[in-house]
Amino acid sequence: MPALLFGSISTIADTSELQREAFNRAFAAEGLDWQWEGDDYRARLERSGGRSRVADYARSTGQTIDAEAVHRSKSEIFQRRLADAPVSPRPGVAETMQQARAEGFKVAFVTTTSRENLSSLFEGLGSDLSEADFDLVVDASSVEHPKPDRAAYAFALETLGEQAESCVAIEDNLGGVEAAKAAGLACLAFPNKNTAGHDFATADRRVERVSFAEARSLIPSD
């Protein structure tokens, strides 16, 4: 049975601006005079991992900070904002999942974000989309190494009992694409608002609206 693997929160609902806002609020809360504007933030998204971005930025400014504490603050703010701000599935997501199931595909959510972030996302989505709509949900606690390591996808394939060649990953960022390709998966790039300007040349295809037909076309026919 083939499978469709959504690779990050913003392949489901575009929370990229909520994430940027949460970083800036966390900086203020931690007494840092940092402000990540749109262009700066978009450049930083070329590397995976919010904690790493914070640590890298501190090094670039010559400051010594507790990156773990700043990132923890950011995550807490982000989770509260998900509960307050209206979030909904991105265009085509619900239809793609429905069509995939109708065609006998498994559907998984393969992230390396925290379980708390995912719980807040599903709370924010309400009746539009729930964890029960997925055959498998992978989060940071599932694997030792986050993306761009292949571990999350390898774990998903093993748990689902599927081969890479019969599955397609949908990713919105470069680190996610790298992880999918390292696991031997075909990958459909579905950029979010803040990754739209990135070079997704390593993905098999790029779309502005996800569709089941596009995803299925990446699986070799017998």
Foldseek 3Di string as FASTA:
>chain_A
DFAEEEEDLVQWWNCPVLLLVLLQVLCVVVVHPDHQDQVNVLVLLQDDDPLVSQVVVCVVVVHDDDSVSSVVSSLVSSLVVLLVDAIETDFAPVVLLVVCVVVPYAYEYQAAADPSSVVSNQNNHDPRDHPVSHPYYHYNVNDDDGFVALGSVVSVCVVVVHQQLRYEYEEAHDRRLSNSVVSVHAYEHAHHPSNVPPDPVSHPYYDPHDHNVVRNVSRDDD
